Amino acid sequence: MAASYSDIFVVPLADGRQQYFAIDGEFQIWSRWKETNDPNSGWTDLTPFQMPPLGGVTRICGAQLPDGRVQLFTIDLDGATWSCWKTGDANSGWTNWSQF
């Protein structure tokens, strides 16, 4: 049986690729991204994304910052808002989640 996802969105990375985020039925974040910035390139496998400290989330969204990095926002199961962002270019890691 295929998993169901909610709050699906795609955000552009600084190098022109796209990154996909979604929440599954167990309130976990999943992500995948385009392998290259060629529109015809494939997508990476869907993988779990780091979670805020308290676990499950109900909503997620994000946008590009003026310098091209991506910032994410999420709401956890207790209603708290959390944020994390890319530490550098499109291939860099993400900061830890911090309460917003």
PDB file of N, CA and C in Angstrom:
ATOM      1  N   MET A   1       0.845  -1.181   0.000  1.00  0.00           N
ATOM      2  CA  MET A   1       0.000   0.000   0.000  1.00  0.00           C
ATOM      3  C   MET A   1       0.894   1.249   0.000  1.00  0.00           C
ATOM      4  N   ALA A   2       0.589   2.196  -0.825  1.00  0.00           N
ATOM      5  CA  ALA A   2       1.367   3.431  -0.915  1.00  0.00           C
ATOM      6  C   ALA A   2       1.098   4.322   0.293  1.00  0.00           C
ATOM      7  N   ALA A   3       2.147   4.993   0.742  1.00  0.00           N
ATOM      8  CA  ALA A   3       2.006   5.929   1.863  1.00  0.00           C
ATOM      9  C   ALA A   3       1.238   7.157   1.390  1.00  0.00           C
ATOM     10  N   SER A   4       0.546   7.789   2.310  1.00  0.00           N
ATOM     11  CA  SER A   4      -0.120   9.044   1.958  1.00  0.00           C
ATOM     12  C   SER A   4       0.634  10.188   2.621  1.00  0.00           C
ATOM     13  N   TYR A   5       0.696  11.300   1.923  1.00  0.00           N
ATOM     14  CA  TYR A   5       1.449  12.460   2.384  1.00  0.00           C
ATOM     15  C   TYR A   5       0.554  13.693   2.374  1.00  0.00           C
ATOM     16  N   SER A   6       0.870  14.631   3.258  1.00  0.00           N
ATOM     17  CA  SER A   6       0.146  15.904   3.302  1.00  0.00           C
ATOM     18  C   SER A   6       1.157  17.039   3.329  1.00  0.00           C
ATOM     19  N   ASP A   7       0.676  18.242   3.189  1.00  0.00           N
ATOM     20  CA  ASP A   7       1.522  19.437   3.192  1.00  0.00           C
ATOM     21  C   ASP A   7       2.700  19.309   2.231  1.00  0.00           C
ATOM     22  N   ILE A   8       2.415  18.835   1.044  1.00  0.00           N
ATOM     23  CA  ILE A   8       3.451  18.658   0.028  1.00  0.00           C
ATOM     24  C   ILE A   8       3.785  20.015  -0.584  1.00  0.00           C
ATOM     25  N   PHE A   9       5.077  20.312  -0.682  1.00  0.00           N
ATOM     26  CA  PHE A   9       5.487  21.523  -1.381  1.00  0.00           C
ATOM     27  C   PHE A   9       6.879  21.346  -1.954  1.00  0.00           C
ATOM     28  N   VAL A  10       7.199  22.156  -2.949  1.00  0.00           N
ATOM     29  CA  VAL A  10       8.505  22.142  -3.598  1.00  0.00           C
ATOM     30  C   VAL A  10       9.070  23.542  -3.516  1.00  0.00           C
ATOM     31  N   VAL A  11      10.364  23.635  -3.207  1.00  0.00           N
ATOM     32  CA  VAL A  11      11.021  24.928  -3.098  1.00  0.00           C
ATOM     33  C   VAL A  11      12.295  24.898  -3.944  1.00  0.00           C
ATOM     34  N   PRO A  12      12.629  26.002  -4.637  1.00  0.00           N
ATOM     35  CA  PRO A  12      13.855  26.022  -5.428  1.00  0.00           C
ATOM     36  C   PRO A  12      15.085  26.162  -4.539  1.00  0.00           C
ATOM     37  N   LEU A  13      16.133  25.413  -4.879  1.00  0.00           N
ATOM     38  CA  LEU A  13      17.423  25.554  -4.208  1.00  0.00           C
ATOM     39  C   LEU A  13      18.233  26.633  -4.918  1.00  0.00           C
ATOM     40  N   ALA A  14      19.299  27.082  -4.301  1.00  0.00           N
ATOM     41  CA  ALA A  14      20.109  28.182  -4.838  1.00  0.00           C
ATOM     42  C   ALA A  14      20.698  27.867  -6.212  1.00  0.00           C
ATOM     43  N   ASP A  15      20.921  26.585  -6.522  1.00  0.00           N
ATOM     44  CA  ASP A  15      21.526  26.226  -7.808  1.00  0.00           C
ATOM     45  C   ASP A  15      20.501  25.908  -8.895  1.00  0.00           C
ATOM     46  N   GLY A  16      19.216  26.137  -8.624  1.00  0.00           N
ATOM     47  CA  GLY A  16      18.174  25.927  -9.619  1.00  0.00           C
ATOM     48  C   GLY A  16      17.457  24.592  -9.517  1.00  0.00           C
ATOM     49  N   ARG A  17      18.001  23.656  -8.741  1.00  0.00           N
ATOM     50  CA  ARG A  17      17.292  22.391  -8.538  1.00  0.00           C
ATOM     51  C   ARG A  17      16.084  22.635  -7.651  1.00  0.00           C
ATOM     52  N   GLN A  18      15.195  21.664  -7.568  1.00  0.00           N
ATOM     53  CA  GLN A  18      14.025  21.767  -6.707  1.00  0.00           C
ATOM     54  C   GLN A  18      14.123  20.721  -5.604  1.00  0.00           C
ATOM     55  N   GLN A  19      13.619  21.065  -4.421  1.00  0.00           N
ATOM     56  CA  GLN A  19      13.554  20.110  -3.320  1.00  0.00           C
ATOM     57  C   GLN A  19      12.112  19.987  -2.864  1.00  0.00           C
ATOM     58  N   TYR A  20      11.689  18.761  -2.673  1.00  0.00           N
ATOM     59  CA  TYR A  20      10.314  18.389  -2.330  1.00  0.00           C
ATOM     60  C   TYR A  20      10.267  18.026  -0.850  1.00  0.00           C
ATOM     61  N   PHE A  21       9.226  18.463  -0.158  1.00  0.00           N
ATOM     62  CA  PHE A  21       9.003  18.115   1.251  1.00  0.00           C
ATOM     63  C   PHE A  21       7.556  17.669   1.411  1.00  0.00           C
ATOM     64  N   ALA A  22       7.325  16.740   2.347  1.00  0.00           N
ATOM     65  CA  ALA A  22       5.976  16.272   2.641  1.00  0.00           C
ATOM     66  C   ALA A  22       5.955  15.681   4.046  1.00  0.00           C
ATOM     67  N   ILE A  23       4.765  15.553   4.607  1.00  0.00           N
ATOM     68  CA  ILE A  23       4.567  14.933   5.916  1.00  0.00           C
ATOM     69  C   ILE A  23       3.762  13.657   5.700  1.00  0.00           C
ATOM     70  N   ASP A  24       4.208  12.559   6.324  1.00  0.00           N
ATOM     71  CA  ASP A  24       3.477  11.305   6.170  1.00  0.00           C
ATOM     72  C   ASP A  24       2.406  11.156   7.254  1.00  0.00           C
ATOM     73  N   GLY A  25       1.682  10.054   7.230  1.00  0.00           N
ATOM     74  CA  GLY A  25       0.593   9.806   8.168  1.00  0.00           C
ATOM     75  C   GLY A  25       1.037   9.621   9.608  1.00  0.00           C
ATOM     76  N   GLU A  26       2.358   9.465   9.827  1.00  0.00           N
ATOM     77  CA  GLU A  26       2.899   9.347  11.180  1.00  0.00           C
ATOM     78  C   GLU A  26       3.567  10.651  11.625  1.00  0.00           C
ATOM     79  N   PHE A  27       3.293  11.744  10.905  1.00  0.00           N
ATOM     80  CA  PHE A  27       3.751  13.100  11.233  1.00  0.00           C
ATOM     81  C   PHE A  27       5.267  13.263  11.103  1.00  0.00           C
ATOM     82  N   GLN A  28       5.876  12.502  10.187  1.00  0.00           N
ATOM     83  CA  GLN A  28       7.303  12.588   9.920  1.00  0.00           C
ATOM     84  C   GLN A  28       7.529  13.349   8.616  1.00  0.00           C
ATOM     85  N   ILE A  29       8.648  14.059   8.519  1.00  0.00           N
ATOM     86  CA  ILE A  29       8.984  14.830   7.319  1.00  0.00           C
ATOM     87  C   ILE A  29       9.802  13.958   6.373  1.00  0.00           C
ATOM     88  N   TRP A  30       9.471  14.037   5.083  1.00  0.00           N
ATOM     89  CA  TRP A  30      10.198  13.337   4.033  1.00  0.00           C
ATOM     90  C   TRP A  30      10.648  14.347   2.986  1.00  0.00           C
ATOM     91  N   SER A  31      11.737  14.033   2.269  1.00  0.00           N
ATOM     92  CA  SER A  31      12.245  14.956   1.266  1.00  0.00           C
ATOM     93  C   SER A  31      12.925  14.199   0.126  1.00  0.00           C
ATOM     94  N   ARG A  32      12.992  14.868  -1.011  1.00  0.00           N
ATOM     95  CA  ARG A  32      13.772  14.417  -2.170  1.00  0.00           C
ATOM     96  C   ARG A  32      14.080  15.649  -3.000  1.00  0.00           C
ATOM     97  N   TRP A  33      15.043  15.571  -3.905  1.00  0.00           N
ATOM     98  CA  TRP A  33      15.426  16.729  -4.702  1.00  0.00           C
ATOM     99  C   TRP A  33      15.849  16.279  -6.085  1.00  0.00           C
ATOM    100  N   LYS A  34      15.823  17.230  -7.017  1.00  0.00           N
ATOM    101  CA  LYS A  34      16.259  16.948  -8.378  1.00  0.00           C
ATOM    102  C   LYS A  34      17.754  16.646  -8.349  1.00  0.00           C
ATOM    103  N   GLU A  35      18.184  15.662  -9.152  1.00  0.00           N
ATOM    104  CA  GLU A  35      19.586  15.263  -9.182  1.00  0.00           C
ATOM    105  C   GLU A  35      20.481  16.337  -9.795  1.00  0.00           C
ATOM    106  N   THR A  36      19.977  17.063 -10.773  1.00  0.00           N
ATOM    107  CA  THR A  36      20.712  18.177 -11.382  1.00  0.00           C
ATOM    108  C   THR A  36      19.716  19.310 -11.633  1.00  0.00           C
ATOM    109  N   ASN A  37      20.215  20.434 -12.140  1.00  0.00           N
ATOM    110  CA  ASN A  37      19.286  21.529 -12.438  1.00  0.00           C
ATOM    111  C   ASN A  37      18.687  21.418 -13.840  1.00  0.00           C
ATOM    112  N   ASP A  38      18.965  20.334 -14.549  1.00  0.00           N
ATOM    113  CA  ASP A  38      18.305  20.045 -15.821  1.00  0.00           C
ATOM    114  C   ASP A  38      16.856  19.666 -15.517  1.00  0.00           C
ATOM    115  N   PRO A  39      15.878  20.342 -16.122  1.00  0.00           N
ATOM    116  CA  PRO A  39      14.474  20.040 -15.830  1.00  0.00           C
ATOM    117  C   PRO A  39      14.089  18.581 -16.097  1.00  0.00           C
ATOM    118  N   ASN A  40      14.844  17.893 -16.956  1.00  0.00           N
ATOM    119  CA  ASN A  40      14.547  16.507 -17.287  1.00  0.00           C
ATOM    120  C   ASN A  40      15.275  15.500 -16.404  1.00  0.00           C
ATOM    121  N   SER A  41      16.057  15.972 -15.450  1.00  0.00           N
ATOM    122  CA  SER A  41      16.795  15.045 -14.585  1.00  0.00           C
ATOM    123  C   SER A  41      15.842  14.328 -13.640  1.00  0.00           C
ATOM    124  N   GLY A  42      16.322  13.241 -13.090  1.00  0.00           N
ATOM    125  CA  GLY A  42      15.522  12.471 -12.160  1.00  0.00           C
ATOM    126  C   GLY A  42      15.536  13.071 -10.759  1.00  0.00           C
ATOM    127  N   TRP A  43      14.782  12.432  -9.882  1.00  0.00           N
ATOM    128  CA  TRP A  43      14.698  12.824  -8.474  1.00  0.00           C
ATOM    129  C   TRP A  43      15.449  11.800  -7.632  1.00  0.00           C
ATOM    130  N   THR A  44      16.020  12.227  -6.534  1.00  0.00           N
ATOM    131  CA  THR A  44      16.623  11.298  -5.591  1.00  0.00           C
ATOM    132  C   THR A  44      15.515  10.467  -4.946  1.00  0.00           C
ATOM    133  N   ASP A  45      15.914   9.430  -4.228  1.00  0.00           N
ATOM    134  CA  ASP A  45      14.934   8.648  -3.473  1.00  0.00           C
ATOM    135  C   ASP A  45      14.317   9.503  -2.376  1.00  0.00           C
ATOM    136  N   LEU A  46      13.100   9.197  -2.013  1.00  0.00           N
ATOM    137  CA  LEU A  46      12.425   9.860  -0.904  1.00  0.00           C
ATOM    138  C   LEU A  46      13.075   9.375   0.397  1.00  0.00           C
ATOM    139  N   THR A  47      13.539  10.321   1.220  1.00  0.00           N
ATOM    140  CA  THR A  47      14.239   9.966   2.456  1.00  0.00           C
ATOM    141  C   THR A  47      13.671  10.755   3.630  1.00  0.00           C
ATOM    142  N   PRO A  48      13.792  10.209   4.855  1.00  0.00           N
ATOM    143  CA  PRO A  48      13.350  10.955   6.035  1.00  0.00           C
ATOM    144  C   PRO A  48      14.191  12.223   6.194  1.00  0.00           C
ATOM    145  N   PHE A  49      13.550  13.299   6.610  1.00  0.00           N
ATOM    146  CA  PHE A  49      14.239  14.566   6.859  1.00  0.00           C
ATOM    147  C   PHE A  49      14.323  14.760   8.369  1.00  0.00           C
ATOM    148  N   GLN A  50      15.336  15.490   8.820  1.00  0.00           N
ATOM    149  CA  GLN A  50      15.507  15.722  10.264  1.00  0.00           C
ATOM    150  C   GLN A  50      14.247  16.310  10.886  1.00  0.00           C
ATOM    151  N   MET A  51      13.980  15.911  12.098  1.00  0.00           N
ATOM    152  CA  MET A  51      12.771  16.334  12.799  1.00  0.00           C
ATOM    153  C   MET A  51      13.094  17.341  13.900  1.00  0.00           C
ATOM    154  N   PRO A  52      12.133  18.236  14.222  1.00  0.00           N
ATOM    155  CA  PRO A  52      12.307  19.110  15.382  1.00  0.00           C
ATOM    156  C   PRO A  52      12.472  18.259  16.648  1.00  0.00           C
ATOM    157  N   PRO A  53      13.033  18.836  17.713  1.00  0.00           N
ATOM    158  CA  PRO A  53      13.335  18.072  18.927  1.00  0.00           C
ATOM    159  C   PRO A  53      12.166  17.303  19.528  1.00  0.00           C
ATOM    160  N   LEU A  54      10.965  17.811  19.436  1.00  0.00           N
ATOM    161  CA  LEU A  54       9.847  17.143  20.094  1.00  0.00           C
ATOM    162  C   LEU A  54       9.136  16.131  19.202  1.00  0.00           C
ATOM    163  N   GLY A  55       9.632  15.922  18.005  1.00  0.00           N
ATOM    164  CA  GLY A  55       9.064  14.885  17.149  1.00  0.00           C
ATOM    165  C   GLY A  55       8.079  15.378  16.128  1.00  0.00           C
ATOM    166  N   GLY A  56       6.962  14.656  15.970  1.00  0.00           N
ATOM    167  CA  GLY A  56       6.006  14.829  14.893  1.00  0.00           C
ATOM    168  C   GLY A  56       5.574  16.244  14.566  1.00  0.00           C
ATOM    169  N   VAL A  57       5.248  16.447  13.291  1.00  0.00           N
ATOM    170  CA  VAL A  57       4.798  17.751  12.809  1.00  0.00           C
ATOM    171  C   VAL A  57       3.488  17.616  12.046  1.00  0.00           C
ATOM    172  N   THR A  58       2.717  18.687  12.026  1.00  0.00           N
ATOM    173  CA  THR A  58       1.448  18.689  11.306  1.00  0.00           C
ATOM    174  C   THR A  58       1.478  19.554  10.051  1.00  0.00           C
ATOM    175  N   ARG A  59       2.370  20.513   9.988  1.00  0.00           N
ATOM    176  CA  ARG A  59       2.471  21.428   8.848  1.00  0.00           C
ATOM    177  C   ARG A  59       3.936  21.715   8.563  1.00  0.00           C
ATOM    178  N   ILE A  60       4.233  21.977   7.276  1.00  0.00           N
ATOM    179  CA  ILE A  60       5.574  22.391   6.883  1.00  0.00           C
ATOM    180  C   ILE A  60       5.468  23.285   5.657  1.00  0.00           C
ATOM    181  N   CYS A  61       6.317  24.287   5.602  1.00  0.00           N
ATOM    182  CA  CYS A  61       6.413  25.161   4.434  1.00  0.00           C
ATOM    183  C   CYS A  61       7.816  25.750   4.419  1.00  0.00           C
ATOM    184  N   GLY A  62       8.159  26.417   3.365  1.00  0.00           N
ATOM    185  CA  GLY A  62       9.480  27.019   3.270  1.00  0.00           C
ATOM    186  C   GLY A  62       9.568  27.951   2.089  1.00  0.00           C
ATOM    187  N   ALA A  63      10.674  28.680   2.035  1.00  0.00           N
ATOM    188  CA  ALA A  63      10.899  29.636   0.949  1.00  0.00           C
ATOM    189  C   ALA A  63      12.379  29.917   0.837  1.00  0.00           C
ATOM    190  N   GLN A  64      12.750  30.521  -0.293  1.00  0.00           N
ATOM    191  CA  GLN A  64      14.130  30.944  -0.492  1.00  0.00           C
ATOM    192  C   GLN A  64      14.372  32.246   0.238  1.00  0.00           C
ATOM    193  N   LEU A  65      15.518  32.335   0.900  1.00  0.00           N
ATOM    194  CA  LEU A  65      15.972  33.589   1.504  1.00  0.00           C
ATOM    195  C   LEU A  65      16.588  34.456   0.409  1.00  0.00           C
ATOM    196  N   PRO A  66      16.810  35.748   0.650  1.00  0.00           N
ATOM    197  CA  PRO A  66      17.378  36.614  -0.386  1.00  0.00           C
ATOM    198  C   PRO A  66      18.706  36.123  -0.963  1.00  0.00           C
ATOM    199  N   ASP A  67      19.503  35.391  -0.180  1.00  0.00           N
ATOM    200  CA  ASP A  67      20.785  34.895  -0.684  1.00  0.00           C
ATOM    201  C   ASP A  67      20.668  33.529  -1.366  1.00  0.00           C
ATOM    202  N   GLY A  68      19.444  33.017  -1.536  1.00  0.00           N
ATOM    203  CA  GLY A  68      19.214  31.766  -2.245  1.00  0.00           C
ATOM    204  C   GLY A  68      19.101  30.543  -1.361  1.00  0.00           C
ATOM    205  N   ARG A  69      19.499  30.640  -0.097  1.00  0.00           N
ATOM    206  CA  ARG A  69      19.345  29.501   0.816  1.00  0.00           C
ATOM    207  C   ARG A  69      17.860  29.290   1.097  1.00  0.00           C
ATOM    208  N   VAL A  70      17.508  28.109   1.565  1.00  0.00           N
ATOM    209  CA  VAL A  70      16.117  27.784   1.870  1.00  0.00           C
ATOM    210  C   VAL A  70      15.909  27.790   3.377  1.00  0.00           C
ATOM    211  N   GLN A  71      14.784  28.339   3.818  1.00  0.00           N
ATOM    212  CA  GLN A  71      14.388  28.287   5.219  1.00  0.00           C
ATOM    213  C   GLN A  71      13.060  27.551   5.314  1.00  0.00           C
ATOM    214  N   LEU A  72      12.983  26.605   6.255  1.00  0.00           N
ATOM    215  CA  LEU A  72      11.764  25.831   6.484  1.00  0.00           C
ATOM    216  C   LEU A  72      11.100  26.257   7.781  1.00  0.00           C
ATOM    217  N   PHE A  73       9.790  26.126   7.829  1.00  0.00           N
ATOM    218  CA  PHE A  73       8.999  26.354   9.036  1.00  0.00           C
ATOM    219  C   PHE A  73       8.075  25.166   9.207  1.00  0.00           C
ATOM    220  N   THR A  74       7.881  24.741  10.445  1.00  0.00           N
ATOM    221  CA  THR A  74       6.976  23.635  10.716  1.00  0.00           C
ATOM    222  C   THR A  74       6.244  23.868  12.024  1.00  0.00           C
ATOM    223  N   ILE A  75       5.101  23.215  12.146  1.00  0.00           N
ATOM    224  CA  ILE A  75       4.328  23.267  13.392  1.00  0.00           C
ATOM    225  C   ILE A  75       4.300  21.846  13.950  1.00  0.00           C
ATOM    226  N   ASP A  76       4.701  21.714  15.224  1.00  0.00           N
ATOM    227  CA  ASP A  76       4.734  20.381  15.812  1.00  0.00           C
ATOM    228  C   ASP A  76       3.366  19.990  16.374  1.00  0.00           C
ATOM    229  N   LEU A  77       3.287  18.797  16.929  1.00  0.00           N
ATOM    230  CA  LEU A  77       2.013  18.274  17.421  1.00  0.00           C
ATOM    231  C   LEU A  77       1.452  19.062  18.595  1.00  0.00           C
ATOM    232  N   ASP A  78       2.298  19.845  19.290  1.00  0.00           N
ATOM    233  CA  ASP A  78       1.842  20.687  20.401  1.00  0.00           C
ATOM    234  C   ASP A  78       1.504  22.107  19.953  1.00  0.00           C
ATOM    235  N   GLY A  79       1.642  22.397  18.644  1.00  0.00           N
ATOM    236  CA  GLY A  79       1.321  23.717  18.120  1.00  0.00           C
ATOM    237  C   GLY A  79       2.476  24.701  18.109  1.00  0.00           C
ATOM    238  N   ALA A  80       3.684  24.258  18.505  1.00  0.00           N
ATOM    239  CA  ALA A  80       4.860  25.144  18.488  1.00  0.00           C
ATOM    240  C   ALA A  80       5.405  25.250  17.063  1.00  0.00           C
ATOM    241  N   THR A  81       5.950  26.410  16.717  1.00  0.00           N
ATOM    242  CA  THR A  81       6.533  26.646  15.404  1.00  0.00           C
ATOM    243  C   THR A  81       8.049  26.512  15.502  1.00  0.00           C
ATOM    244  N   TRP A  82       8.633  25.805  14.523  1.00  0.00           N
ATOM    245  CA  TRP A  82      10.071  25.556  14.464  1.00  0.00           C
ATOM    246  C   TRP A  82      10.600  25.983  13.102  1.00  0.00           C
ATOM    247  N   SER A  83      11.905  26.290  13.051  1.00  0.00           N
ATOM    248  CA  SER A  83      12.523  26.682  11.798  1.00  0.00           C
ATOM    249  C   SER A  83      13.930  26.110  11.692  1.00  0.00           C
ATOM    250  N   CYS A  84      14.347  25.819  10.458  1.00  0.00           N
ATOM    251  CA  CYS A  84      15.737  25.478  10.152  1.00  0.00           C
ATOM    252  C   CYS A  84      16.031  26.000   8.758  1.00  0.00           C
ATOM    253  N   TRP A  85      17.303  26.086   8.380  1.00  0.00           N
ATOM    254  CA  TRP A  85      17.665  26.638   7.081  1.00  0.00           C
ATOM    255  C   TRP A  85      18.966  26.029   6.607  1.00  0.00           C
ATOM    256  N   LYS A  86      19.198  26.159   5.302  1.00  0.00           N
ATOM    257  CA  LYS A  86      20.446  25.697   4.701  1.00  0.00           C
ATOM    258  C   LYS A  86      21.593  26.515   5.270  1.00  0.00           C
ATOM    259  N   THR A  87      22.728  25.868   5.536  1.00  0.00           N
ATOM    260  CA  THR A  87      23.873  26.573   6.118  1.00  0.00           C
ATOM    261  C   THR A  87      24.737  27.262   5.076  1.00  0.00           C
ATOM    262  N   GLY A  88      24.555  26.944   3.825  1.00  0.00           N
ATOM    263  CA  GLY A  88      25.365  27.533   2.759  1.00  0.00           C
ATOM    264  C   GLY A  88      24.712  27.288   1.415  1.00  0.00           C
ATOM    265  N   ASP A  89      25.511  26.810   0.458  1.00  0.00           N
ATOM    266  CA  ASP A  89      24.987  26.596  -0.891  1.00  0.00           C
ATOM    267  C   ASP A  89      24.009  25.425  -0.932  1.00  0.00           C
ATOM    268  N   ALA A  90      23.520  25.120  -2.127  1.00  0.00           N
ATOM    269  CA  ALA A  90      22.481  24.096  -2.289  1.00  0.00           C
ATOM    270  C   ALA A  90      22.915  22.708  -1.817  1.00  0.00           C
ATOM    271  N   ASN A  91      24.219  22.439  -1.784  1.00  0.00           N
ATOM    272  CA  ASN A  91      24.721  21.132  -1.367  1.00  0.00           C
ATOM    273  C   ASN A  91      25.089  21.066   0.105  1.00  0.00           C
ATOM    274  N   SER A  92      24.924  22.152   0.823  1.00  0.00           N
ATOM    275  CA  SER A  92      25.290  22.181   2.239  1.00  0.00           C
ATOM    276  C   SER A  92      24.205  21.539   3.099  1.00  0.00           C
ATOM    277  N   GLY A  93      24.519  21.357   4.359  1.00  0.00           N
ATOM    278  CA  GLY A  93      23.578  20.770   5.296  1.00  0.00           C
ATOM    279  C   GLY A  93      22.566  21.782   5.799  1.00  0.00           C
ATOM    280  N   TRP A  94      21.808  21.352   6.778  1.00  0.00           N
ATOM    281  CA  TRP A  94      20.768  22.168   7.394  1.00  0.00           C
ATOM    282  C   TRP A  94      21.144  22.456   8.841  1.00  0.00           C
ATOM    283  N   THR A  95      20.711  23.595   9.354  1.00  0.00           N
ATOM    284  CA  THR A  95      20.903  23.881  10.769  1.00  0.00           C
ATOM    285  C   THR A  95      20.012  22.947  11.576  1.00  0.00           C
ATOM    286  N   ASN A  96      20.239  22.888  12.875  1.00  0.00           N
ATOM    287  CA  ASN A  96      19.295  22.216  13.757  1.00  0.00           C
ATOM    288  C   ASN A  96      18.019  23.044  13.779  1.00  0.00           C
ATOM    289  N   TRP A  97      16.923  22.411  14.109  1.00  0.00           N
ATOM    290  CA  TRP A  97      15.651  23.134  14.270  1.00  0.00           C
ATOM    291  C   TRP A  97      15.742  24.020  15.498  1.00  0.00           C
ATOM    292  N   SER A  98      15.180  25.202  15.420  1.00  0.00           N
ATOM    293  CA  SER A  98      15.078  26.085  16.587  1.00  0.00           C
ATOM    294  C   SER A  98      13.638  26.574  16.676  1.00  0.00           C
ATOM    295  N   GLN A  99      13.182  26.778  17.911  1.00  0.00           N
ATOM    296  CA  GLN A  99      11.814  27.231  18.077  1.00  0.00           C
ATOM    297  C   GLN A  99      11.711  28.661  17.586  1.00  0.00           C
ATOM    298  N   PHE A 100      10.654  28.944  16.829  1.00  0.00           N
ATOM    299  CA  PHE A 100      10.483  30.253  16.192  1.00  0.00           C
ATOM    300  C   PHE A 100       9.584  31.131  17.021  1.00  0.00           C
TER     301      PHE A 100
END
